Amino acid sequence: MSKLASILLIILLLLLILINNVNCYSCDCSCCTGSGCSLVYQGTISVSTCASTICTDACKSKYTTCASGSSSAVCS
């Protein structure tokens, strides 16, 4: 493969990665377990949409404390 073809292939792959990430939303997850507990920030995950309970469901799936206790999920 020529050097020019290699460069074009790399550029194409980078563009595909960038386009893939354009349609993502950030979901900030905070959770706690127990009675009267304070929410603790767990992290941010990417979701495809902020519609419905997608963000909350993703937090509960990724973080076990969110699945069993109280949770707060903010999508932006």
C-alpha atoms as a PDB file:
ATOM      1  CA  MET A   1       0.000   0.000   0.000  1.00  0.00           C
ATOM      2  CA  SER A   2       1.368   3.413  -0.899  1.00  0.00           C
ATOM      3  CA  LYS A   3       2.092   6.056   1.690  1.00  0.00           C
ATOM      4  CA  LEU A   4      -0.728   8.276   0.373  1.00  0.00           C
ATOM      5  CA  ALA A   5      -3.239   5.428   0.609  1.00  0.00           C
ATOM      6  CA  SER A   6      -2.168   4.741   4.190  1.00  0.00           C
ATOM      7  CA  ILE A   7      -2.615   8.387   5.150  1.00  0.00           C
ATOM      8  CA  LEU A   8      -6.056   8.520   3.519  1.00  0.00           C
ATOM      9  CA  LEU A   9      -7.090   5.357   5.345  1.00  0.00           C
ATOM     10  CA  ILE A  10      -6.018   6.820   8.691  1.00  0.00           C
ATOM     11  CA  ILE A  11      -7.927  10.051   7.983  1.00  0.00           C
ATOM     12  CA  LEU A  12     -11.031   8.061   7.042  1.00  0.00           C
ATOM     13  CA  LEU A  13     -10.863   6.039  10.258  1.00  0.00           C
ATOM     14  CA  LEU A  14     -10.470   9.194  12.360  1.00  0.00           C
ATOM     15  CA  LEU A  15     -13.481  10.774  10.646  1.00  0.00           C
ATOM     16  CA  LEU A  16     -15.582   7.693  11.343  1.00  0.00           C
ATOM     17  CA  ILE A  17     -14.650   7.802  15.026  1.00  0.00           C
ATOM     18  CA  LEU A  18     -15.500  11.511  15.257  1.00  0.00           C
ATOM     19  CA  ILE A  19     -18.842  11.070  13.484  1.00  0.00           C
ATOM     20  CA  ASN A  20     -19.721   8.180  15.796  1.00  0.00           C
ATOM     21  CA  ASN A  21     -19.120  10.307  18.891  1.00  0.00           C
ATOM     22  CA  VAL A  22     -21.077  13.331  17.641  1.00  0.00           C
ATOM     23  CA  ASN A  23     -24.443  11.695  18.389  1.00  0.00           C
ATOM     24  CA  CYS A  24     -23.614  10.859  22.011  1.00  0.00           C
ATOM     25  CA  TYR A  25     -24.917  12.480  25.168  1.00  0.00           C
ATOM     26  CA  SER A  26     -23.251  12.561  28.571  1.00  0.00           C
ATOM     27  CA  CYS A  27     -24.979  10.957  31.505  1.00  0.00           C
ATOM     28  CA  ASP A  28     -23.721  11.886  34.997  1.00  0.00           C
ATOM     29  CA  CYS A  29     -24.457   9.151  37.523  1.00  0.00           C
ATOM     30  CA  SER A  30     -24.752   9.564  41.290  1.00  0.00           C
ATOM     31  CA  CYS A  31     -25.904   6.787  43.620  1.00  0.00           C
ATOM     32  CA  CYS A  32     -26.154   5.643  47.223  1.00  0.00           C
ATOM     33  CA  THR A  33     -27.360   2.694  49.275  1.00  0.00           C
ATOM     34  CA  GLY A  34     -28.945   2.660  52.695  1.00  0.00           C
ATOM     35  CA  SER A  35     -31.444   4.782  54.545  1.00  0.00           C
ATOM     36  CA  GLY A  36     -30.778   8.528  54.511  1.00  0.00           C
ATOM     37  CA  CYS A  37     -27.590   8.183  52.460  1.00  0.00           C
ATOM     38  CA  SER A  38     -26.025  10.982  50.435  1.00  0.00           C
ATOM     39  CA  LEU A  39     -25.634  10.598  46.692  1.00  0.00           C
ATOM     40  CA  VAL A  40     -22.040   9.955  45.599  1.00  0.00           C
ATOM     41  CA  TYR A  41     -20.871  10.795  42.077  1.00  0.00           C
ATOM     42  CA  GLN A  42     -19.976   7.572  40.246  1.00  0.00           C
ATOM     43  CA  GLY A  43     -18.911   8.848  36.832  1.00  0.00           C
ATOM     44  CA  THR A  44     -20.054   9.905  33.388  1.00  0.00           C
ATOM     45  CA  ILE A  45     -21.147   7.521  30.667  1.00  0.00           C
ATOM     46  CA  SER A  46     -22.186   8.075  27.058  1.00  0.00           C
ATOM     47  CA  VAL A  47     -25.731   7.359  25.933  1.00  0.00           C
ATOM     48  CA  SER A  48     -27.334   7.595  22.506  1.00  0.00           C
ATOM     49  CA  THR A  49     -30.254   9.770  23.632  1.00  0.00           C
ATOM     50  CA  CYS A  50     -31.603  11.642  26.640  1.00  0.00           C
ATOM     51  CA  ALA A  51     -35.125  10.384  25.939  1.00  0.00           C
ATOM     52  CA  SER A  52     -37.191   8.530  28.532  1.00  0.00           C
ATOM     53  CA  THR A  53     -35.196   6.648  31.197  1.00  0.00           C
ATOM     54  CA  ILE A  54     -32.180   5.781  29.013  1.00  0.00           C
ATOM     55  CA  CYS A  55     -29.720   7.676  31.228  1.00  0.00           C
ATOM     56  CA  THR A  56     -31.080   6.265  34.502  1.00  0.00           C
ATOM     57  CA  ASP A  57     -31.188   2.728  33.120  1.00  0.00           C
ATOM     58  CA  ALA A  58     -27.593   3.020  31.852  1.00  0.00           C
ATOM     59  CA  CYS A  59     -26.391   4.211  35.282  1.00  0.00           C
ATOM     60  CA  LYS A  60     -28.166   1.352  37.045  1.00  0.00           C
ATOM     61  CA  SER A  61     -26.659  -1.106  34.577  1.00  0.00           C
ATOM     62  CA  LYS A  62     -23.079   0.155  34.914  1.00  0.00           C
ATOM     63  CA  TYR A  63     -22.905   0.943  38.646  1.00  0.00           C
ATOM     64  CA  THR A  64     -24.130  -1.671  41.139  1.00  0.00           C
ATOM     65  CA  THR A  65     -24.849   0.905  43.849  1.00  0.00           C
ATOM     66  CA  CYS A  66     -27.240   2.616  41.434  1.00  0.00           C
ATOM     67  CA  ALA A  67     -29.060  -0.642  40.764  1.00  0.00           C
ATOM     68  CA  SER A  68     -29.745  -1.422  44.411  1.00  0.00           C
ATOM     69  CA  GLY A  69     -30.100   2.008  46.009  1.00  0.00           C
ATOM     70  CA  SER A  70     -31.113   5.570  45.248  1.00  0.00           C
ATOM     71  CA  SER A  71     -29.809   7.114  42.059  1.00  0.00           C
ATOM     72  CA  SER A  72     -29.700  10.388  40.199  1.00  0.00           C
ATOM     73  CA  ALA A  73     -28.930  10.512  36.491  1.00  0.00           C
ATOM     74  CA  VAL A  74     -28.496  13.788  34.617  1.00  0.00           C
ATOM     75  CA  CYS A  75     -28.324  13.690  30.836  1.00  0.00           C
ATOM     76  CA  SER A  76     -26.827  16.539  28.821  1.00  0.00           C
END
